[in-house]
Amino acid sequence: MTHDPVPRFGDRRRMRIGLLGGSFNPAHAGHRHVADLARARLRLDQVWLLVSPGNPLKPQAGMAPFAMRMAGARGIADGRRIVATGIEAVWHTRFTVDTVQRLKLHFPNGRFVWIMGADILEQLPRWRRWMRIVRMLSFAVLPRPTYNHRALAGQAAHRLRFARRPAREAPLLPGTAPGWVFLPAPQNDLSATALRAAIEGRVP
């Protein structure tokens, strides 16, 4: 199989679910660190690792096959609290706005929150219909080395400053929108780019 089935939990249960999307090229300990940290700080029942079949903002050169990336995501998940899923491949959605709309229809009782690093907050205005996304669900931003200052001074943070909440209110985010927090946390400097470079024996 090239993808896991749609997670069965959430169809009828009012679960608190964090969504951590990405290419997972490759999946690594930094992804698991973010998932565990977000689950604890946001008081989530589960975190879903949404393995993208193809990120529109990333070049295809150097992108491992989807099946390989899915296998890597499964390897860092536990299948219970941290769940790897190829739901976007099942639904043939390439853009986050389309995935989120389908999730809210398919899991009407799910209380979702998007999990992102500061690097993603900085590039958020490049996402298709990004303001539609932030009107549909809240998000939590975790620090990333070298990105934090630029992200918090960037276009998305400025435009959404009205919706920012203090970090202590992070557990209130799932199921609400708009709203976001920046979560001060120990920073993990692992990145998929650096890890691929190390595997390939080159400097990133």
C-alpha atoms as a PDB file:
ATOM      1  CA  MET A   1       0.000   0.000   0.000  1.00  0.00           C
ATOM      2  CA  THR A   2       1.196   3.531  -0.725  1.00  0.00           C
ATOM      3  CA  HIS A   3      -0.913   5.157   1.965  1.00  0.00           C
ATOM      4  CA  ASP A   4      -2.613   4.392   5.244  1.00  0.00           C
ATOM      5  CA  PRO A   5      -6.427   4.323   5.327  1.00  0.00           C
ATOM      6  CA  VAL A   6      -8.288   7.397   6.490  1.00  0.00           C
ATOM      7  CA  PRO A   7      -7.988   7.422  10.302  1.00  0.00           C
ATOM      8  CA  ARG A   8     -11.184   5.939  11.685  1.00  0.00           C
ATOM      9  CA  PHE A   9     -11.081   7.981  14.879  1.00  0.00           C
ATOM     10  CA  GLY A  10     -12.800  11.325  14.572  1.00  0.00           C
ATOM     11  CA  ASP A  11     -15.813  10.348  12.431  1.00  0.00           C
ATOM     12  CA  ARG A  12     -18.204  10.343  15.381  1.00  0.00           C
ATOM     13  CA  ARG A  13     -15.980  11.261  18.293  1.00  0.00           C
ATOM     14  CA  ARG A  14     -15.329  14.802  19.429  1.00  0.00           C
ATOM     15  CA  MET A  15     -11.576  14.403  19.363  1.00  0.00           C
ATOM     16  CA  ARG A  16      -8.948  17.139  19.568  1.00  0.00           C
ATOM     17  CA  ILE A  17      -6.698  16.587  16.561  1.00  0.00           C
ATOM     18  CA  GLY A  18      -3.511  18.334  15.520  1.00  0.00           C
ATOM     19  CA  LEU A  19      -2.607  18.370  11.827  1.00  0.00           C
ATOM     20  CA  LEU A  20       1.090  18.344  10.963  1.00  0.00           C
ATOM     21  CA  GLY A  21       1.419  18.474   7.197  1.00  0.00           C
ATOM     22  CA  GLY A  22       4.534  18.162   5.102  1.00  0.00           C
ATOM     23  CA  SER A  23       6.548  16.273   2.547  1.00  0.00           C
ATOM     24  CA  PHE A  24       8.353  14.204   5.216  1.00  0.00           C
ATOM     25  CA  ASN A  25      11.273  13.967   2.832  1.00  0.00           C
ATOM     26  CA  PRO A  26      12.482  12.244   4.916  1.00  0.00           C
ATOM     27  CA  ALA A  27      10.567  11.920   8.182  1.00  0.00           C
ATOM     28  CA  HIS A  28      12.906  12.451  11.126  1.00  0.00           C
ATOM     29  CA  ALA A  29      13.147  12.924  14.891  1.00  0.00           C
ATOM     30  CA  GLY A  30      12.405  16.636  14.549  1.00  0.00           C
ATOM     31  CA  HIS A  31       8.925  15.837  13.205  1.00  0.00           C
ATOM     32  CA  ARG A  32       8.243  13.543  16.160  1.00  0.00           C
ATOM     33  CA  HIS A  33       9.580  16.187  18.556  1.00  0.00           C
ATOM     34  CA  VAL A  34       7.135  18.750  17.141  1.00  0.00           C
ATOM     35  CA  ALA A  35       4.222  16.281  17.217  1.00  0.00           C
ATOM     36  CA  ASP A  36       4.853  15.265  20.831  1.00  0.00           C
ATOM     37  CA  LEU A  37       5.358  18.839  21.979  1.00  0.00           C
ATOM     38  CA  ALA A  38       2.205  20.079  20.256  1.00  0.00           C
ATOM     39  CA  ARG A  39       0.148  17.184  21.588  1.00  0.00           C
ATOM     40  CA  ALA A  40       1.177  18.028  25.136  1.00  0.00           C
ATOM     41  CA  ARG A  41       0.905  21.811  24.932  1.00  0.00           C
ATOM     42  CA  LEU A  42      -2.411  21.819  23.029  1.00  0.00           C
ATOM     43  CA  ARG A  43      -3.832  18.868  25.011  1.00  0.00           C
ATOM     44  CA  LEU A  44      -4.597  16.906  21.868  1.00  0.00           C
ATOM     45  CA  ASP A  45      -5.952  13.380  21.594  1.00  0.00           C
ATOM     46  CA  GLN A  46      -4.013  12.743  18.395  1.00  0.00           C
ATOM     47  CA  VAL A  47      -1.614  14.349  15.952  1.00  0.00           C
ATOM     48  CA  TRP A  48      -2.001  13.325  12.302  1.00  0.00           C
ATOM     49  CA  LEU A  49       1.090  13.419  10.113  1.00  0.00           C
ATOM     50  CA  LEU A  50      -0.370  14.442   6.747  1.00  0.00           C
ATOM     51  CA  VAL A  51       2.113  13.180   4.172  1.00  0.00           C
ATOM     52  CA  SER A  52       1.738  15.304   1.057  1.00  0.00           C
ATOM     53  CA  PRO A  53       1.686  13.469  -2.279  1.00  0.00           C
ATOM     54  CA  GLY A  54       3.235  16.591  -3.821  1.00  0.00           C
ATOM     55  CA  ASN A  55       3.954  19.975  -2.234  1.00  0.00           C
ATOM     56  CA  PRO A  56       3.151  22.738  -4.771  1.00  0.00           C
ATOM     57  CA  LEU A  57       5.790  25.007  -3.176  1.00  0.00           C
ATOM     58  CA  LYS A  58       8.634  22.488  -3.346  1.00  0.00           C
ATOM     59  CA  PRO A  59      10.544  21.284  -6.405  1.00  0.00           C
ATOM     60  CA  GLN A  60      10.083  17.667  -7.411  1.00  0.00           C
ATOM     61  CA  ALA A  61      13.831  17.218  -7.892  1.00  0.00           C
ATOM     62  CA  GLY A  62      15.142  15.318  -4.878  1.00  0.00           C
ATOM     63  CA  MET A  63      11.647  14.341  -3.712  1.00  0.00           C
ATOM     64  CA  ALA A  64      11.518  10.690  -2.659  1.00  0.00           C
ATOM     65  CA  PRO A  65       8.612   8.512  -3.862  1.00  0.00           C
ATOM     66  CA  PHE A  66       5.422   8.910  -1.887  1.00  0.00           C
ATOM     67  CA  ALA A  67       5.509   5.301  -0.636  1.00  0.00           C
ATOM     68  CA  MET A  68       8.982   5.846   0.808  1.00  0.00           C
ATOM     69  CA  ARG A  69       7.952   9.055   2.555  1.00  0.00           C
ATOM     70  CA  MET A  70       4.825   7.383   3.933  1.00  0.00           C
ATOM     71  CA  ALA A  71       6.923   4.528   5.300  1.00  0.00           C
ATOM     72  CA  GLY A  72       9.213   7.028   6.995  1.00  0.00           C
ATOM     73  CA  ALA A  73       6.267   8.836   8.600  1.00  0.00           C
ATOM     74  CA  ARG A  74       4.868   5.527   9.858  1.00  0.00           C
ATOM     75  CA  GLY A  75       8.272   4.828  11.352  1.00  0.00           C
ATOM     76  CA  ILE A  76       8.160   7.895  13.615  1.00  0.00           C
ATOM     77  CA  ALA A  77       4.451   7.497  14.481  1.00  0.00           C
ATOM     78  CA  ASP A  78       3.027   5.187  17.118  1.00  0.00           C
ATOM     79  CA  GLY A  79      -0.290   4.523  15.341  1.00  0.00           C
ATOM     80  CA  ARG A  80      -2.300   5.606  18.360  1.00  0.00           C
ATOM     81  CA  ARG A  81      -1.504   9.144  19.486  1.00  0.00           C
ATOM     82  CA  ILE A  82       0.719  10.022  16.535  1.00  0.00           C
ATOM     83  CA  VAL A  83      -0.872   8.752  13.290  1.00  0.00           C
ATOM     84  CA  ALA A  84       0.700   8.832   9.818  1.00  0.00           C
ATOM     85  CA  THR A  85      -1.832   9.221   7.026  1.00  0.00           C
ATOM     86  CA  GLY A  86      -1.884   9.544   3.252  1.00  0.00           C
ATOM     87  CA  ILE A  87      -5.336  11.073   3.298  1.00  0.00           C
ATOM     88  CA  GLU A  88      -4.371  13.698   0.714  1.00  0.00           C
ATOM     89  CA  ALA A  89      -3.388  10.950  -1.718  1.00  0.00           C
ATOM     90  CA  VAL A  90      -6.739   9.245  -1.095  1.00  0.00           C
ATOM     91  CA  TRP A  91      -8.641  12.465  -1.767  1.00  0.00           C
ATOM     92  CA  HIS A  92      -6.278  13.707  -4.508  1.00  0.00           C
ATOM     93  CA  THR A  93      -5.922  17.085  -2.804  1.00  0.00           C
ATOM     94  CA  ARG A  94      -2.729  19.047  -3.434  1.00  0.00           C
ATOM     95  CA  PHE A  95      -3.597  22.260  -1.607  1.00  0.00           C
ATOM     96  CA  THR A  96      -4.110  22.633   2.136  1.00  0.00           C
ATOM     97  CA  VAL A  97      -7.305  24.647   1.702  1.00  0.00           C
ATOM     98  CA  ASP A  98      -8.930  21.729  -0.137  1.00  0.00           C
ATOM     99  CA  THR A  99      -7.699  19.173   2.402  1.00  0.00           C
ATOM    100  CA  VAL A 100      -9.021  21.197   5.334  1.00  0.00           C
ATOM    101  CA  GLN A 101     -12.432  21.607   3.706  1.00  0.00           C
ATOM    102  CA  ARG A 102     -12.665  17.835   3.160  1.00  0.00           C
ATOM    103  CA  LEU A 103     -11.514  17.082   6.703  1.00  0.00           C
ATOM    104  CA  LYS A 104     -14.160  19.311   8.236  1.00  0.00           C
ATOM    105  CA  LEU A 105     -16.846  17.602   6.151  1.00  0.00           C
ATOM    106  CA  HIS A 106     -15.562  14.067   6.748  1.00  0.00           C
ATOM    107  CA  PHE A 107     -14.921  14.535  10.474  1.00  0.00           C
ATOM    108  CA  PRO A 108     -17.661  16.971  11.584  1.00  0.00           C
ATOM    109  CA  ASN A 109     -17.037  16.291  15.260  1.00  0.00           C
ATOM    110  CA  GLY A 110     -13.270  16.655  15.033  1.00  0.00           C
ATOM    111  CA  ARG A 111     -11.767  19.723  16.690  1.00  0.00           C
ATOM    112  CA  PHE A 112      -8.774  20.492  14.488  1.00  0.00           C
ATOM    113  CA  VAL A 113      -5.738  22.726  14.869  1.00  0.00           C
ATOM    114  CA  TRP A 114      -2.916  23.131  12.341  1.00  0.00           C
ATOM    115  CA  ILE A 115       0.641  22.719  13.622  1.00  0.00           C
ATOM    116  CA  MET A 116       3.439  24.568  11.860  1.00  0.00           C
ATOM    117  CA  GLY A 117       6.986  25.760  12.372  1.00  0.00           C
ATOM    118  CA  ALA A 118       7.953  29.430  12.220  1.00  0.00           C
ATOM    119  CA  ASP A 119       9.326  28.853   8.709  1.00  0.00           C
ATOM    120  CA  ILE A 120       5.820  27.922   7.528  1.00  0.00           C
ATOM    121  CA  LEU A 121       4.275  30.990   9.170  1.00  0.00           C
ATOM    122  CA  GLU A 122       6.680  33.133   7.153  1.00  0.00           C
ATOM    123  CA  GLN A 123       5.638  31.513   3.852  1.00  0.00           C
ATOM    124  CA  LEU A 124       1.920  31.210   4.679  1.00  0.00           C
ATOM    125  CA  PRO A 125       0.878  34.092   2.370  1.00  0.00           C
ATOM    126  CA  ARG A 126       2.175  32.010  -0.559  1.00  0.00           C
ATOM    127  CA  TRP A 127      -0.366  29.264   0.162  1.00  0.00           C
ATOM    128  CA  ARG A 128      -3.482  29.115  -2.007  1.00  0.00           C
ATOM    129  CA  ARG A 129      -6.381  30.967  -0.334  1.00  0.00           C
ATOM    130  CA  TRP A 130      -4.448  31.200   2.903  1.00  0.00           C
ATOM    131  CA  MET A 131      -6.928  33.520   4.582  1.00  0.00           C
ATOM    132  CA  ARG A 132      -9.648  30.958   3.872  1.00  0.00           C
ATOM    133  CA  ILE A 133      -7.541  28.406   5.747  1.00  0.00           C
ATOM    134  CA  VAL A 134      -7.135  30.573   8.841  1.00  0.00           C
ATOM    135  CA  ARG A 135     -10.872  31.237   8.878  1.00  0.00           C
ATOM    136  CA  MET A 136     -11.534  27.491   8.943  1.00  0.00           C
ATOM    137  CA  LEU A 137      -9.153  26.417  11.689  1.00  0.00           C
ATOM    138  CA  SER A 138      -6.691  27.767  14.217  1.00  0.00           C
ATOM    139  CA  PHE A 139      -2.965  27.106  14.201  1.00  0.00           C
ATOM    140  CA  ALA A 140      -0.057  26.789  16.578  1.00  0.00           C
ATOM    141  CA  VAL A 141       3.420  27.977  15.597  1.00  0.00           C
ATOM    142  CA  LEU A 142       6.505  26.338  17.042  1.00  0.00           C
ATOM    143  CA  PRO A 143       9.936  27.978  16.921  1.00  0.00           C
ATOM    144  CA  ARG A 144      12.499  27.117  14.272  1.00  0.00           C
ATOM    145  CA  PRO A 145      16.109  28.319  14.466  1.00  0.00           C
ATOM    146  CA  THR A 146      16.790  31.422  12.301  1.00  0.00           C
ATOM    147  CA  TYR A 147      13.132  31.838  11.276  1.00  0.00           C
ATOM    148  CA  ASN A 148      11.416  33.113  14.399  1.00  0.00           C
ATOM    149  CA  HIS A 149      12.070  36.841  14.155  1.00  0.00           C
ATOM    150  CA  ARG A 150      11.292  37.051  10.424  1.00  0.00           C
ATOM    151  CA  ALA A 151       8.113  35.016  10.846  1.00  0.00           C
ATOM    152  CA  LEU A 152       6.745  37.095  13.715  1.00  0.00           C
ATOM    153  CA  ALA A 153       7.538  40.295  11.812  1.00  0.00           C
ATOM    154  CA  GLY A 154       6.178  38.966   8.518  1.00  0.00           C
ATOM    155  CA  GLN A 155       3.022  39.517   6.504  1.00  0.00           C
ATOM    156  CA  ALA A 156       0.958  36.675   7.977  1.00  0.00           C
ATOM    157  CA  ALA A 157       1.707  37.552  11.604  1.00  0.00           C
ATOM    158  CA  HIS A 158       0.999  41.231  10.928  1.00  0.00           C
ATOM    159  CA  ARG A 159      -2.282  40.604   9.156  1.00  0.00           C
ATOM    160  CA  LEU A 160      -3.427  38.112  11.785  1.00  0.00           C
ATOM    161  CA  ARG A 161      -2.250  40.052  14.825  1.00  0.00           C
ATOM    162  CA  PHE A 162      -5.891  40.513  15.901  1.00  0.00           C
ATOM    163  CA  ALA A 163      -6.263  36.726  16.245  1.00  0.00           C
ATOM    164  CA  ARG A 164      -3.058  36.007  18.180  1.00  0.00           C
ATOM    165  CA  ARG A 165      -3.538  34.590  21.660  1.00  0.00           C
ATOM    166  CA  PRO A 166      -1.052  34.237  24.504  1.00  0.00           C
ATOM    167  CA  ALA A 167       0.728  30.897  24.674  1.00  0.00           C
ATOM    168  CA  ARG A 168      -1.099  29.965  27.894  1.00  0.00           C
ATOM    169  CA  GLU A 169      -4.353  29.835  25.896  1.00  0.00           C
ATOM    170  CA  ALA A 170      -3.025  27.207  23.467  1.00  0.00           C
ATOM    171  CA  PRO A 171      -5.397  24.481  24.774  1.00  0.00           C
ATOM    172  CA  LEU A 172      -8.362  26.656  23.699  1.00  0.00           C
ATOM    173  CA  LEU A 173      -7.379  26.576  20.012  1.00  0.00           C
ATOM    174  CA  PRO A 174      -8.666  23.188  18.730  1.00  0.00           C
ATOM    175  CA  GLY A 175     -12.037  23.629  17.065  1.00  0.00           C
ATOM    176  CA  THR A 176     -11.888  27.441  16.958  1.00  0.00           C
ATOM    177  CA  ALA A 177     -10.996  29.934  14.245  1.00  0.00           C
ATOM    178  CA  PRO A 178      -9.477  32.311  13.623  1.00  0.00           C
ATOM    179  CA  GLY A 179      -6.829  32.114  16.287  1.00  0.00           C
ATOM    180  CA  TRP A 180      -3.152  31.294  16.686  1.00  0.00           C
ATOM    181  CA  VAL A 181      -0.366  31.145  19.207  1.00  0.00           C
ATOM    182  CA  PHE A 182       3.408  31.149  19.115  1.00  0.00           C
ATOM    183  CA  LEU A 183       4.583  28.456  21.520  1.00  0.00           C
ATOM    184  CA  PRO A 184       7.957  29.127  23.161  1.00  0.00           C
ATOM    185  CA  ALA A 185       9.668  25.745  23.264  1.00  0.00           C
ATOM    186  CA  PRO A 186      13.057  24.057  23.029  1.00  0.00           C
ATOM    187  CA  GLN A 187      14.171  24.330  19.419  1.00  0.00           C
ATOM    188  CA  ASN A 188      15.058  21.254  17.418  1.00  0.00           C
ATOM    189  CA  ASP A 189      17.441  22.206  14.602  1.00  0.00           C
ATOM    190  CA  LEU A 190      16.882  19.001  12.616  1.00  0.00           C
ATOM    191  CA  SER A 191      15.525  19.711   9.158  1.00  0.00           C
ATOM    192  CA  ALA A 192      14.699  17.407   6.306  1.00  0.00           C
ATOM    193  CA  THR A 193      16.989  19.389   3.990  1.00  0.00           C
ATOM    194  CA  ALA A 194      19.978  19.050   6.322  1.00  0.00           C
ATOM    195  CA  LEU A 195      19.224  15.389   6.932  1.00  0.00           C
ATOM    196  CA  ARG A 196      19.026  14.623   3.207  1.00  0.00           C
ATOM    197  CA  ALA A 197      22.312  16.451   2.683  1.00  0.00           C
ATOM    198  CA  ALA A 198      23.978  14.385   5.389  1.00  0.00           C
ATOM    199  CA  ILE A 199      22.617  11.164   3.898  1.00  0.00           C
ATOM    200  CA  GLU A 200      23.886  12.186   0.461  1.00  0.00           C
ATOM    201  CA  GLY A 201      27.256  13.286   1.846  1.00  0.00           C
ATOM    202  CA  ARG A 202      27.041  16.950   0.905  1.00  0.00           C
ATOM    203  CA  VAL A 203      26.783  20.301   2.669  1.00  0.00           C
ATOM    204  CA  PRO A 204      23.227  21.756   2.651  1.00  0.00           C
END
